[in-house]
Amino acid sequence: MINIAVLGYGTIGTGVVEVLNTNGESIAKRAGDQINIKYVLDLREFPGDPIMEKLVHDVNIILDDPEVKIICEVMGGVEPAHTFVKAALLKGKSVITSNKELVAKHGAELLNIAKERNLNFLFEASVGGGIPIIRPLNQSLTADEIVEITGILNGTTNYILSKMSEEGIGFEAALADAQKLGYAERNPAADVEGHDACRKIAILSSLAFGMQVDYEDIYTEGITKISDIDIRYAKTLDAKIKLFATSIRENDRVYAMVAPVMIKSSHPLYSVNDVFNGIFVRGNVIGDVMFYGSGAGKLPTASAVVADIVDAAKHLGINIWTIWSSKKLELTDVNQVQHRFFIRVKGNTPQVVENVGKLFGDVEVVAAKGVAGEYAFITQSLSEQDLKEKANNLDGVLSIIRARF
């Protein structure tokens, strides 16, 4: 029997307990031994829940118990999670986490502690919920040099943009619907401003390139400025607007960005809709690989957590090698990155058209049914810096969205 402890009995913690109870027999076969939850840590009480028999309020009870071999941290946030996880590793216990904030901030440090002690720090559920992506990057794609990772990594924003596209409604109405269904928090800033996706692409970039990518260095733009008018233009172009988290290596330089992007049906992520996530990986040998599935939710995320528990149980005393150096990877200045841009400006007069031509040269003009009093176009490829300079000299800019076509 392998004793574990679960830190946090919220949505994911209850899911982990449920998965272990529901599939305990098959999980034991895969792990090579029975997995037993000896403790659950939470500050709250849960009257009537059988978990009360295992509930503790002091983490030291868990840390000081030599019978506990694996700790599962599903509390969220950087502190006290970091303090608890570091203490657990120093006490000789492997740690599983779904905590993207913790991994993005302290992943390299915690992996190094685990390596030094022949333990494991595993975090499959921190990116993409139930989609296996960490393990493939760490194990299955090791023969490749990764040149691009682009993902729809946040189910909330993907649902909102899908709803706007399907029903022609505005951002606020789509957000309210997402909140009503429980897909968005009462304070949705972490999702709609792109911060959640930013932390996830920082983790994937650190693994892909083997060095620390600080999420604070990643240019991040959310979806709050996307309007129903933008969606109309996208439909005219047979395109969709998605929140992309992207990390690309070009000529030994890496740039990373989170921002709304307009894509056409030829793009692999075009059909990733609703609350689903999709992750596109390009390697220099294998070529293009796609990962798709439920990116969040109680049971999909819990399933990924339990898969890591099984992996840790099978490797007690053996470190699963992960290349993630604490040395910081200096990202390329995003102002040097080139894109095409979809731009809307007020007015559709000869003067507006002439000014656009002087600034941007040849452009692809776009018209949308039912939209009047403005001029919309797609630029040729230009750098982010050039775009800023030209846009500053353009009166009445209504919208700017990067275009990948």
Protein backbone atom coordinates (compact mmCIF):
# COMPACT_ATOMS: atom_id res chain seq x y z
CA MET A 1 0.00 0.00 0.00
CA ILE A 2 1.23 3.49 -0.92
CA ASN A 3 -0.03 6.24 1.35
CA ILE A 4 -0.67 9.68 -0.08
CA ALA A 5 -2.03 12.98 1.21
CA VAL A 6 -4.16 15.53 -0.63
CA LEU A 7 -3.57 19.22 0.15
CA GLY A 8 -6.81 21.07 -0.59
CA TYR A 9 -10.35 19.70 -0.75
CA GLY A 10 -11.86 22.06 -3.30
CA THR A 11 -12.98 21.26 -6.83
CA ILE A 12 -9.84 19.40 -7.90
CA GLY A 13 -9.21 17.81 -4.50
CA THR A 14 -12.70 16.30 -4.37
CA GLY A 15 -12.18 15.15 -7.96
CA VAL A 16 -8.95 13.36 -7.05
CA VAL A 17 -10.68 11.55 -4.19
CA GLU A 18 -13.57 10.64 -6.50
CA VAL A 19 -11.30 9.27 -9.23
CA LEU A 20 -9.28 7.19 -6.76
CA ASN A 21 -12.47 5.80 -5.20
CA THR A 22 -14.17 5.11 -8.53
CA ASN A 23 -11.23 3.52 -10.36
CA GLY A 24 -9.19 2.33 -7.38
CA GLU A 25 -8.85 -1.26 -8.58
CA SER A 26 -7.59 -0.46 -12.08
CA ILE A 27 -5.37 2.33 -10.73
CA ALA A 28 -3.77 -0.14 -8.28
CA LYS A 29 -2.94 -2.47 -11.17
CA ARG A 30 -1.27 0.32 -13.10
CA ALA A 31 0.59 1.62 -10.05
CA GLY A 32 1.65 -1.83 -8.92
CA ASP A 33 0.16 -1.26 -5.46
CA GLN A 34 -2.95 0.13 -3.80
CA ILE A 35 -3.09 3.91 -3.48
CA ASN A 36 -4.47 4.93 -0.11
CA ILE A 37 -5.45 8.47 0.84
CA LYS A 38 -4.26 8.74 4.43
CA TYR A 39 -4.84 12.47 4.92
CA VAL A 40 -6.69 15.39 3.37
CA LEU A 41 -5.61 18.88 4.42
CA ASP A 42 -8.08 21.76 4.51
CA LEU A 43 -8.94 24.59 6.87
CA ARG A 44 -12.65 23.87 6.52
CA GLU A 45 -14.86 21.17 7.97
CA PHE A 46 -17.05 18.92 5.79
CA PRO A 47 -19.88 17.55 7.97
CA GLY A 48 -21.42 14.41 6.57
CA ASP A 49 -18.58 13.76 4.14
CA PRO A 50 -16.67 10.49 4.75
CA ILE A 51 -13.49 12.49 4.18
CA MET A 52 -13.86 13.82 7.74
CA GLU A 53 -12.14 10.65 8.95
CA LYS A 54 -8.99 11.68 7.11
CA LEU A 55 -9.24 15.46 7.42
CA VAL A 56 -6.44 17.37 9.17
CA HIS A 57 -5.86 21.11 9.55
CA ASP A 58 -2.11 21.05 10.26
CA VAL A 59 0.22 20.28 7.36
CA ASN A 60 2.96 19.17 9.78
CA ILE A 61 0.94 16.06 10.63
CA ILE A 62 1.39 15.04 6.99
CA LEU A 63 4.98 16.22 6.62
CA ASP A 64 6.10 14.38 9.76
CA ASP A 65 4.43 11.06 8.85
CA PRO A 66 7.05 8.77 7.26
CA GLU A 67 4.30 6.52 5.88
CA VAL A 68 3.17 9.24 3.46
CA LYS A 69 5.23 8.81 0.30
CA ILE A 70 3.38 11.11 -2.12
CA ILE A 71 1.72 14.46 -1.57
CA CYS A 72 -0.84 15.86 -3.98
CA GLU A 73 -1.08 19.68 -3.87
CA VAL A 74 -4.32 21.04 -5.38
CA MET A 75 -4.71 24.20 -3.29
CA GLY A 76 -3.81 26.74 -5.96
CA GLY A 77 -1.90 30.00 -5.57
CA VAL A 78 1.81 30.45 -4.88
CA GLU A 79 1.64 30.57 -1.09
CA PRO A 80 1.34 28.61 1.13
CA ALA A 81 1.56 26.01 -1.65
CA HIS A 82 5.25 26.71 -2.35
CA THR A 83 6.19 26.47 1.33
CA PHE A 84 4.26 23.19 1.75
CA VAL A 85 5.58 21.60 -1.45
CA LYS A 86 9.21 22.54 -0.79
CA ALA A 87 8.95 21.21 2.77
CA ALA A 88 7.44 17.96 1.48
CA LEU A 89 10.29 17.41 -0.98
CA LEU A 90 12.87 18.18 1.71
CA LYS A 91 11.10 15.58 3.90
CA GLY A 92 11.59 12.94 1.20
CA LYS A 93 8.09 12.91 -0.32
CA SER A 94 7.30 13.15 -4.03
CA VAL A 95 4.82 15.86 -4.99
CA ILE A 96 2.08 16.07 -7.59
CA THR A 97 0.45 19.42 -8.37
CA SER A 98 -2.13 20.97 -10.67
CA ASN A 99 -1.03 24.46 -9.61
CA LYS A 100 0.04 26.48 -12.68
CA GLU A 101 0.98 29.56 -10.62
CA LEU A 102 3.32 27.47 -8.47
CA VAL A 103 4.90 25.64 -11.40
CA ALA A 104 5.38 28.77 -13.51
CA LYS A 105 7.05 30.59 -10.61
CA HIS A 106 9.05 27.85 -8.89
CA GLY A 107 9.10 24.86 -11.26
CA ALA A 108 12.86 24.82 -11.87
CA GLU A 109 13.67 25.09 -8.15
CA LEU A 110 11.28 22.31 -7.12
CA LEU A 111 12.40 20.00 -9.93
CA ASN A 112 16.00 20.46 -8.82
CA ILE A 113 15.19 19.59 -5.20
CA ALA A 114 13.33 16.48 -6.34
CA LYS A 115 16.22 15.43 -8.60
CA GLU A 116 18.79 15.82 -5.80
CA ARG A 117 16.75 13.50 -3.54
CA ASN A 118 15.64 10.92 -6.13
CA LEU A 119 12.07 12.10 -5.78
CA ASN A 120 9.58 13.44 -8.30
CA PHE A 121 7.79 16.73 -8.81
CA LEU A 122 5.09 16.12 -11.42
CA PHE A 123 2.62 18.65 -12.81
CA GLU A 124 0.77 17.26 -15.84
CA ALA A 125 -2.51 18.87 -14.73
CA SER A 126 -1.02 22.37 -14.53
CA VAL A 127 -1.45 22.88 -18.29
CA GLY A 128 -4.38 21.73 -20.39
CA GLY A 129 -6.36 20.04 -17.62
CA GLY A 130 -6.95 16.47 -18.79
CA ILE A 131 -4.89 16.82 -21.98
CA PRO A 132 -1.56 14.97 -21.75
CA ILE A 133 1.06 17.50 -22.86
CA ILE A 134 3.75 17.72 -20.12
CA ARG A 135 4.65 14.04 -20.35
CA PRO A 136 4.86 14.02 -24.17
CA LEU A 137 7.11 17.09 -24.11
CA ASN A 138 9.27 15.54 -21.39
CA GLN A 139 9.40 11.98 -22.71
CA SER A 140 7.81 11.29 -26.10
CA LEU A 141 9.20 14.25 -28.07
CA THR A 142 12.73 14.25 -26.66
CA ALA A 143 14.25 13.34 -30.05
CA ASP A 144 12.97 16.61 -31.47
CA GLU A 145 13.93 20.21 -31.11
CA ILE A 146 10.68 22.05 -30.52
CA VAL A 147 10.32 25.07 -32.80
CA GLU A 148 6.75 26.10 -31.96
CA ILE A 149 4.08 25.60 -29.33
CA THR A 150 0.77 27.34 -29.94
CA GLY A 151 -2.21 26.62 -27.76
CA ILE A 152 -5.77 27.50 -26.93
CA LEU A 153 -5.03 27.02 -23.25
CA ASN A 154 -8.01 28.64 -21.54
CA GLY A 155 -11.45 27.08 -21.82
CA THR A 156 -13.28 30.14 -20.48
CA THR A 157 -12.03 32.51 -23.16
CA ASN A 158 -12.50 29.89 -25.86
CA TYR A 159 -16.11 29.42 -24.77
CA ILE A 160 -16.73 33.19 -24.81
CA LEU A 161 -15.25 33.64 -28.29
CA SER A 162 -17.14 30.58 -29.58
CA LYS A 163 -20.40 31.94 -28.14
CA MET A 164 -19.79 35.35 -29.73
CA SER A 165 -19.14 33.70 -33.09
CA GLU A 166 -22.10 31.30 -32.98
CA GLU A 167 -24.72 33.73 -31.68
CA GLY A 168 -23.40 37.11 -32.82
CA ILE A 169 -23.51 38.51 -29.29
CA GLY A 170 -21.07 40.90 -27.62
CA PHE A 171 -18.31 40.14 -25.14
CA GLU A 172 -20.26 41.16 -22.01
CA ALA A 173 -23.26 38.96 -22.91
CA ALA A 174 -21.03 35.98 -23.68
CA LEU A 175 -19.11 36.47 -20.42
CA ALA A 176 -22.37 36.60 -18.44
CA ASP A 177 -23.42 33.32 -20.05
CA ALA A 178 -20.07 31.73 -19.17
CA GLN A 179 -20.45 32.89 -15.55
CA LYS A 180 -23.99 31.53 -15.39
CA LEU A 181 -22.75 28.11 -16.52
CA GLY A 182 -19.83 28.15 -14.09
CA TYR A 183 -17.16 28.41 -16.81
CA ALA A 184 -16.08 31.87 -15.66
CA GLU A 185 -15.41 33.14 -12.15
CA ARG A 186 -17.27 36.10 -10.67
CA ASN A 187 -13.98 37.96 -11.14
CA PRO A 188 -12.90 36.63 -14.54
CA ALA A 189 -9.78 38.78 -14.96
CA ALA A 190 -7.27 35.90 -14.79
CA ASP A 191 -8.99 34.27 -17.75
CA VAL A 192 -10.21 37.13 -19.94
CA GLU A 193 -7.06 39.26 -19.50
CA GLY A 194 -4.89 36.31 -20.59
CA HIS A 195 -2.99 35.74 -17.33
CA ASP A 196 -4.00 32.08 -17.02
CA ALA A 197 -2.87 31.27 -20.56
CA CYS A 198 0.34 33.25 -19.97
CA ARG A 199 1.39 31.07 -17.02
CA LYS A 200 0.65 27.92 -18.99
CA ILE A 201 2.69 28.90 -22.04
CA ALA A 202 5.53 29.89 -19.68
CA ILE A 203 5.52 26.33 -18.30
CA LEU A 204 5.42 24.74 -21.77
CA SER A 205 8.16 27.05 -23.03
CA SER A 206 10.40 26.25 -20.06
CA LEU A 207 10.02 22.53 -20.76
CA ALA A 208 10.38 22.83 -24.54
CA PHE A 209 13.53 24.94 -24.40
CA GLY A 210 14.99 23.60 -21.13
CA MET A 211 15.42 27.00 -19.43
CA GLN A 212 13.34 29.20 -17.15
CA VAL A 213 10.82 31.35 -19.01
CA ASP A 214 9.37 33.96 -16.65
CA TYR A 215 5.71 34.62 -17.30
CA GLU A 216 6.25 38.28 -16.40
CA ASP A 217 8.35 38.61 -19.58
CA ILE A 218 5.61 37.35 -21.90
CA TYR A 219 3.57 39.95 -23.78
CA THR A 220 -0.03 39.30 -22.75
CA GLU A 221 -3.25 40.67 -24.20
CA GLY A 222 -6.72 39.40 -23.33
CA ILE A 223 -10.04 39.28 -25.18
CA THR A 224 -11.93 42.12 -23.47
CA LYS A 225 -11.57 44.41 -26.51
CA ILE A 226 -12.92 41.87 -29.00
CA SER A 227 -16.34 43.03 -30.20
CA ASP A 228 -19.23 41.47 -32.07
CA ILE A 229 -18.21 43.67 -35.04
CA ASP A 230 -14.77 42.03 -35.08
CA ILE A 231 -16.51 38.66 -35.15
CA ARG A 232 -18.62 39.76 -38.14
CA TYR A 233 -15.51 40.63 -40.09
CA ALA A 234 -13.93 37.30 -39.16
CA LYS A 235 -16.96 35.47 -40.53
CA THR A 236 -16.72 37.46 -43.76
CA LEU A 237 -13.16 36.15 -44.09
CA ASP A 238 -14.25 32.58 -43.20
CA ALA A 239 -12.09 33.00 -40.11
CA LYS A 240 -12.35 32.75 -36.32
CA ILE A 241 -10.80 34.72 -33.49
CA LYS A 242 -9.01 32.64 -30.84
CA LEU A 243 -6.89 33.52 -27.81
CA PHE A 244 -3.51 32.06 -28.70
CA ALA A 245 -0.65 31.40 -26.32
CA THR A 246 2.40 31.03 -28.54
CA SER A 247 6.07 30.28 -28.12
CA ILE A 248 8.26 30.14 -31.23
CA ARG A 249 11.98 29.58 -31.74
CA GLU A 250 13.53 31.23 -34.79
CA ASN A 251 17.29 31.22 -35.40
CA ASP A 252 18.06 30.35 -31.76
CA ARG A 253 15.84 33.18 -30.52
CA VAL A 254 12.55 32.56 -28.72
CA TYR A 255 9.57 34.84 -28.52
CA ALA A 256 6.38 34.24 -26.57
CA MET A 257 3.04 35.98 -26.70
CA VAL A 258 -0.58 35.67 -25.53
CA ALA A 259 -3.06 37.55 -27.72
CA PRO A 260 -6.24 37.19 -29.80
CA VAL A 261 -5.46 35.95 -33.30
CA MET A 262 -7.61 35.66 -36.42
CA ILE A 263 -7.18 32.27 -38.14
CA LYS A 264 -8.73 30.50 -41.12
CA SER A 265 -9.93 26.91 -41.46
CA SER A 266 -6.50 25.75 -42.65
CA HIS A 267 -5.07 26.30 -39.16
CA PRO A 268 -5.00 23.16 -36.95
CA LEU A 269 -6.67 24.99 -34.02
CA TYR A 270 -9.57 26.40 -36.07
CA SER A 271 -12.03 23.70 -34.96
CA VAL A 272 -11.20 23.87 -31.24
CA ASN A 273 -14.41 25.38 -29.87
CA ASP A 274 -16.47 25.73 -26.70
CA VAL A 275 -14.57 24.98 -23.47
CA PHE A 276 -12.11 22.64 -25.18
CA ASN A 277 -8.38 23.26 -25.37
CA GLY A 278 -6.01 22.46 -28.20
CA ILE A 279 -2.21 22.51 -28.28
CA PHE A 280 -0.21 22.51 -31.52
CA VAL A 281 3.44 21.47 -31.33
CA ARG A 282 5.93 21.61 -34.18
CA GLY A 283 9.20 19.71 -33.95
CA ASN A 284 12.11 19.86 -36.38
CA VAL A 285 11.93 16.10 -36.96
CA ILE A 286 8.41 14.89 -36.19
CA GLY A 287 6.70 17.88 -37.79
CA ASP A 288 3.26 18.90 -36.57
CA VAL A 289 1.53 17.26 -33.59
CA MET A 290 -1.86 18.16 -32.08
CA PHE A 291 -3.23 17.60 -28.55
CA TYR A 292 -6.95 18.15 -27.98
CA GLY A 293 -9.40 17.63 -25.15
CA SER A 294 -11.05 19.01 -22.04
CA GLY A 295 -8.73 21.69 -20.78
CA ALA A 296 -10.35 22.20 -17.40
CA GLY A 297 -13.03 20.88 -15.11
CA LYS A 298 -13.11 18.77 -12.01
CA LEU A 299 -12.73 15.24 -13.36
CA PRO A 300 -10.51 15.86 -16.44
CA THR A 301 -8.01 17.73 -14.26
CA ALA A 302 -8.29 15.18 -11.47
CA SER A 303 -7.64 12.41 -14.00
CA ALA A 304 -4.34 14.06 -14.97
CA VAL A 305 -3.42 14.46 -11.28
CA VAL A 306 -4.09 10.78 -10.59
CA ALA A 307 -2.05 9.78 -13.66
CA ASP A 308 0.90 11.62 -12.08
CA ILE A 309 0.24 9.89 -8.74
CA VAL A 310 0.48 6.54 -10.54
CA ASP A 311 3.70 7.62 -12.25
CA ALA A 312 5.20 8.70 -8.92
CA ALA A 313 4.11 5.43 -7.29
CA LYS A 314 5.85 3.45 -10.03
CA HIS A 315 9.02 5.49 -9.57
CA LEU A 316 9.47 5.63 -5.80
CA GLY A 317 13.15 6.35 -5.23
CA ILE A 318 13.73 6.99 -8.95
CA ASN A 319 13.74 10.51 -10.39
CA ILE A 320 11.95 11.01 -13.71
CA TRP A 321 14.37 13.24 -15.56
CA THR A 322 13.04 16.63 -16.61
CA ILE A 323 15.20 19.23 -18.37
CA TRP A 324 14.30 22.62 -16.94
CA SER A 325 17.26 24.72 -15.90
CA SER A 326 16.88 27.62 -13.48
CA LYS A 327 18.97 29.67 -15.94
CA LYS A 328 16.70 32.34 -17.38
CA LEU A 329 15.86 32.28 -21.08
CA GLU A 330 15.95 35.83 -22.41
CA LEU A 331 13.02 36.22 -24.78
CA THR A 332 13.24 38.15 -28.03
CA ASP A 333 11.78 41.64 -27.88
CA VAL A 334 8.22 41.17 -29.06
CA ASN A 335 8.46 44.44 -31.02
CA GLN A 336 10.66 42.61 -33.53
CA VAL A 337 8.08 39.90 -34.21
CA GLN A 338 6.23 40.08 -37.52
CA HIS A 339 2.54 39.48 -38.18
CA ARG A 340 -0.19 40.55 -40.51
CA PHE A 341 -2.78 42.71 -38.75
CA PHE A 342 -6.52 43.16 -39.17
CA ILE A 343 -7.35 46.84 -38.52
CA ARG A 344 -10.61 48.78 -38.33
CA VAL A 345 -10.76 52.57 -38.42
CA LYS A 346 -13.59 55.10 -38.24
CA GLY A 347 -14.85 56.51 -41.51
CA ASN A 348 -14.78 55.24 -45.06
CA THR A 349 -13.87 58.41 -46.92
CA PRO A 350 -11.31 58.94 -49.70
CA GLN A 351 -9.11 60.70 -47.13
CA VAL A 352 -9.15 57.65 -44.81
CA VAL A 353 -8.37 55.30 -47.70
CA GLU A 354 -5.54 57.54 -48.89
CA ASN A 355 -4.03 57.78 -45.40
CA VAL A 356 -4.13 54.01 -44.97
CA GLY A 357 -2.44 53.58 -48.34
CA LYS A 358 0.35 56.00 -47.43
CA LEU A 359 1.01 54.28 -44.12
CA PHE A 360 0.54 50.61 -44.99
CA GLY A 361 0.95 50.35 -48.76
CA ASP A 362 -1.05 47.58 -50.41
CA VAL A 363 -3.69 46.18 -48.05
CA GLU A 364 -6.50 43.64 -48.29
CA VAL A 365 -9.77 45.54 -47.86
CA VAL A 366 -12.48 43.74 -45.87
CA ALA A 367 -16.21 44.54 -45.86
CA ALA A 368 -18.74 43.01 -43.49
CA LYS A 369 -22.50 42.83 -44.09
CA GLY A 370 -24.41 45.33 -41.97
CA VAL A 371 -21.30 47.28 -40.90
CA ALA A 372 -21.04 50.88 -42.17
CA GLY A 373 -19.10 54.04 -41.37
CA GLU A 374 -15.71 52.39 -41.05
CA TYR A 375 -12.84 51.02 -43.11
CA ALA A 376 -11.33 47.60 -42.41
CA PHE A 377 -8.24 46.02 -43.94
CA ILE A 378 -5.49 43.45 -43.44
CA THR A 379 -1.89 44.59 -43.68
CA GLN A 380 1.06 42.90 -45.25
CA SER A 381 3.49 41.31 -42.76
CA LEU A 382 5.18 43.92 -40.57
CA SER A 383 6.82 44.08 -37.16
CA GLU A 384 4.97 44.90 -33.97
CA GLN A 385 7.07 48.06 -33.68
CA ASP A 386 6.20 49.17 -37.22
CA LEU A 387 2.54 48.50 -36.51
CA LYS A 388 2.63 50.69 -33.39
CA GLU A 389 4.31 53.56 -35.22
CA LYS A 390 1.90 53.43 -38.15
CA ALA A 391 -1.17 53.04 -35.91
CA ASN A 392 -0.10 56.14 -33.95
CA ASN A 393 -0.41 58.12 -37.17
CA LEU A 394 -3.79 56.64 -38.02
CA ASP A 395 -6.84 58.48 -36.68
CA GLY A 396 -9.90 56.65 -35.33
CA VAL A 397 -8.45 53.15 -34.82
CA LEU A 398 -11.27 50.89 -33.60
CA SER A 399 -9.59 47.51 -33.47
CA ILE A 400 -6.27 45.76 -34.16
CA ILE A 401 -6.08 41.94 -34.21
CA ARG A 402 -3.16 39.81 -35.37
CA ALA A 403 -3.91 37.59 -38.37
CA ARG A 404 -2.28 34.24 -39.10
CA PHE A 405 -3.01 33.90 -42.79
